[in-house]
């Protein structure tokens, strides 16, 4: 079976955009993630929810301190696990 470019691209896509800026969903785990760019650096963080309404609030709770930290010149905390 040969797939065209359009169907091959959509069938392998695990990340879906939401109607909210900086909020994406990983389909296999059904989890929401924050994805934002601060001072040219891409920051992604799992929001530990599978509900859109909760993801919106957790995104705001994550985004505001990250942008404030960038403005004040502090380095972003990186968790290495």
C-alpha atoms as a PDB file:
ATOM      1  CA  UNK A   1       0.000   0.000   0.000  1.00  0.00           C
ATOM      2  CA  UNK A   2       1.415   3.356  -1.058  1.00  0.00           C
ATOM      3  CA  UNK A   3       0.437   6.476   0.845  1.00  0.00           C
ATOM      4  CA  UNK A   4       0.448   9.927  -0.610  1.00  0.00           C
ATOM      5  CA  UNK A   5       2.363  12.696   1.136  1.00  0.00           C
ATOM      6  CA  UNK A   6      -0.748  14.216   2.717  1.00  0.00           C
ATOM      7  CA  UNK A   7      -2.072  11.015   4.271  1.00  0.00           C
ATOM      8  CA  UNK A   8       1.366   9.869   5.414  1.00  0.00           C
ATOM      9  CA  UNK A   9       1.963  13.168   7.205  1.00  0.00           C
ATOM     10  CA  UNK A  10      -1.385  13.157   9.008  1.00  0.00           C
ATOM     11  CA  UNK A  11      -1.250   9.517  10.081  1.00  0.00           C
ATOM     12  CA  UNK A  12       2.173   9.917  11.770  1.00  0.00           C
ATOM     13  CA  UNK A  13       1.396  13.169  13.561  1.00  0.00           C
ATOM     14  CA  UNK A  14       1.344  12.628  17.334  1.00  0.00           C
ATOM     15  CA  UNK A  15       1.182  16.305  18.332  1.00  0.00           C
ATOM     16  CA  UNK A  16      -2.008  18.336  17.859  1.00  0.00           C
ATOM     17  CA  UNK A  17      -2.465  22.065  18.192  1.00  0.00           C
ATOM     18  CA  UNK A  18      -5.264  23.382  20.345  1.00  0.00           C
ATOM     19  CA  UNK A  19      -7.293  26.535  19.887  1.00  0.00           C
ATOM     20  CA  UNK A  20      -5.143  28.186  22.571  1.00  0.00           C
ATOM     21  CA  UNK A  21      -1.708  29.678  21.961  1.00  0.00           C
ATOM     22  CA  UNK A  22       1.243  27.744  23.424  1.00  0.00           C
ATOM     23  CA  UNK A  23      -0.892  24.723  24.359  1.00  0.00           C
ATOM     24  CA  UNK A  24      -0.404  21.443  22.496  1.00  0.00           C
ATOM     25  CA  UNK A  25      -1.616  17.883  23.037  1.00  0.00           C
ATOM     26  CA  UNK A  26       0.377  14.669  22.717  1.00  0.00           C
ATOM     27  CA  UNK A  27      -2.136  12.212  21.286  1.00  0.00           C
ATOM     28  CA  UNK A  28      -0.744   8.815  22.456  1.00  0.00           C
ATOM     29  CA  UNK A  29      -0.761   9.837  26.130  1.00  0.00           C
ATOM     30  CA  UNK A  30      -3.598  12.392  25.786  1.00  0.00           C
ATOM     31  CA  UNK A  31      -1.525  14.831  27.871  1.00  0.00           C
ATOM     32  CA  UNK A  32      -1.307  18.581  27.369  1.00  0.00           C
ATOM     33  CA  UNK A  33       2.009  20.399  27.122  1.00  0.00           C
ATOM     34  CA  UNK A  34       3.087  24.017  27.292  1.00  0.00           C
ATOM     35  CA  UNK A  35       5.237  25.017  24.331  1.00  0.00           C
ATOM     36  CA  UNK A  36       6.528  28.564  24.339  1.00  0.00           C
ATOM     37  CA  UNK A  37       9.510  30.491  23.112  1.00  0.00           C
ATOM     38  CA  UNK A  38      11.214  32.878  25.537  1.00  0.00           C
ATOM     39  CA  UNK A  39      14.188  34.936  24.344  1.00  0.00           C
ATOM     40  CA  UNK A  40      14.640  32.608  21.380  1.00  0.00           C
ATOM     41  CA  UNK A  41      14.653  29.403  23.419  1.00  0.00           C
ATOM     42  CA  UNK A  42      11.927  26.811  23.089  1.00  0.00           C
ATOM     43  CA  UNK A  43      10.539  25.669  26.431  1.00  0.00           C
ATOM     44  CA  UNK A  44       8.283  22.630  26.708  1.00  0.00           C
ATOM     45  CA  UNK A  45       6.705  21.295  29.855  1.00  0.00           C
ATOM     46  CA  UNK A  46       4.171  18.579  30.529  1.00  0.00           C
ATOM     47  CA  UNK A  47       1.154  20.056  32.300  1.00  0.00           C
ATOM     48  CA  UNK A  48       0.128  16.719  33.865  1.00  0.00           C
ATOM     49  CA  UNK A  49      -3.478  16.780  32.704  1.00  0.00           C
ATOM     50  CA  UNK A  50      -5.630  15.340  29.964  1.00  0.00           C
ATOM     51  CA  UNK A  51      -8.381  17.951  30.318  1.00  0.00           C
ATOM     52  CA  UNK A  52      -8.309  21.088  28.164  1.00  0.00           C
ATOM     53  CA  UNK A  53      -9.768  23.430  30.802  1.00  0.00           C
ATOM     54  CA  UNK A  54      -7.156  22.393  33.368  1.00  0.00           C
ATOM     55  CA  UNK A  55      -4.421  22.689  30.741  1.00  0.00           C
ATOM     56  CA  UNK A  56      -5.379  26.317  30.053  1.00  0.00           C
ATOM     57  CA  UNK A  57      -5.018  27.271  33.717  1.00  0.00           C
ATOM     58  CA  UNK A  58      -1.764  25.358  34.196  1.00  0.00           C
ATOM     59  CA  UNK A  59      -0.375  26.965  31.048  1.00  0.00           C
ATOM     60  CA  UNK A  60      -0.999  30.418  32.510  1.00  0.00           C
ATOM     61  CA  UNK A  61       0.552  29.351  35.830  1.00  0.00           C
ATOM     62  CA  UNK A  62       3.656  28.176  33.965  1.00  0.00           C
ATOM     63  CA  UNK A  63       3.960  30.908  31.332  1.00  0.00           C
ATOM     64  CA  UNK A  64       3.858  34.026  33.514  1.00  0.00           C
ATOM     65  CA  UNK A  65       6.804  33.115  35.805  1.00  0.00           C
ATOM     66  CA  UNK A  66       8.891  31.923  32.827  1.00  0.00           C
ATOM     67  CA  UNK A  67       8.478  35.247  31.031  1.00  0.00           C
ATOM     68  CA  UNK A  68       9.147  37.215  34.241  1.00  0.00           C
ATOM     69  CA  UNK A  69      12.275  35.159  34.879  1.00  0.00           C
ATOM     70  CA  UNK A  70      13.509  35.933  31.360  1.00  0.00           C
ATOM     71  CA  UNK A  71      12.873  39.665  31.809  1.00  0.00           C
ATOM     72  CA  UNK A  72      14.742  39.788  35.095  1.00  0.00           C
ATOM     73  CA  UNK A  73      17.731  38.024  33.575  1.00  0.00           C
ATOM     74  CA  UNK A  74      17.606  34.872  35.694  1.00  0.00           C
ATOM     75  CA  UNK A  75      18.435  31.581  34.047  1.00  0.00           C
ATOM     76  CA  UNK A  76      15.534  29.199  33.641  1.00  0.00           C
ATOM     77  CA  UNK A  77      15.616  26.218  35.954  1.00  0.00           C
ATOM     78  CA  UNK A  78      16.293  22.957  34.140  1.00  0.00           C
ATOM     79  CA  UNK A  79      15.372  19.658  35.758  1.00  0.00           C
ATOM     80  CA  UNK A  80      17.651  16.821  34.721  1.00  0.00           C
ATOM     81  CA  UNK A  81      16.167  13.470  35.572  1.00  0.00           C
END
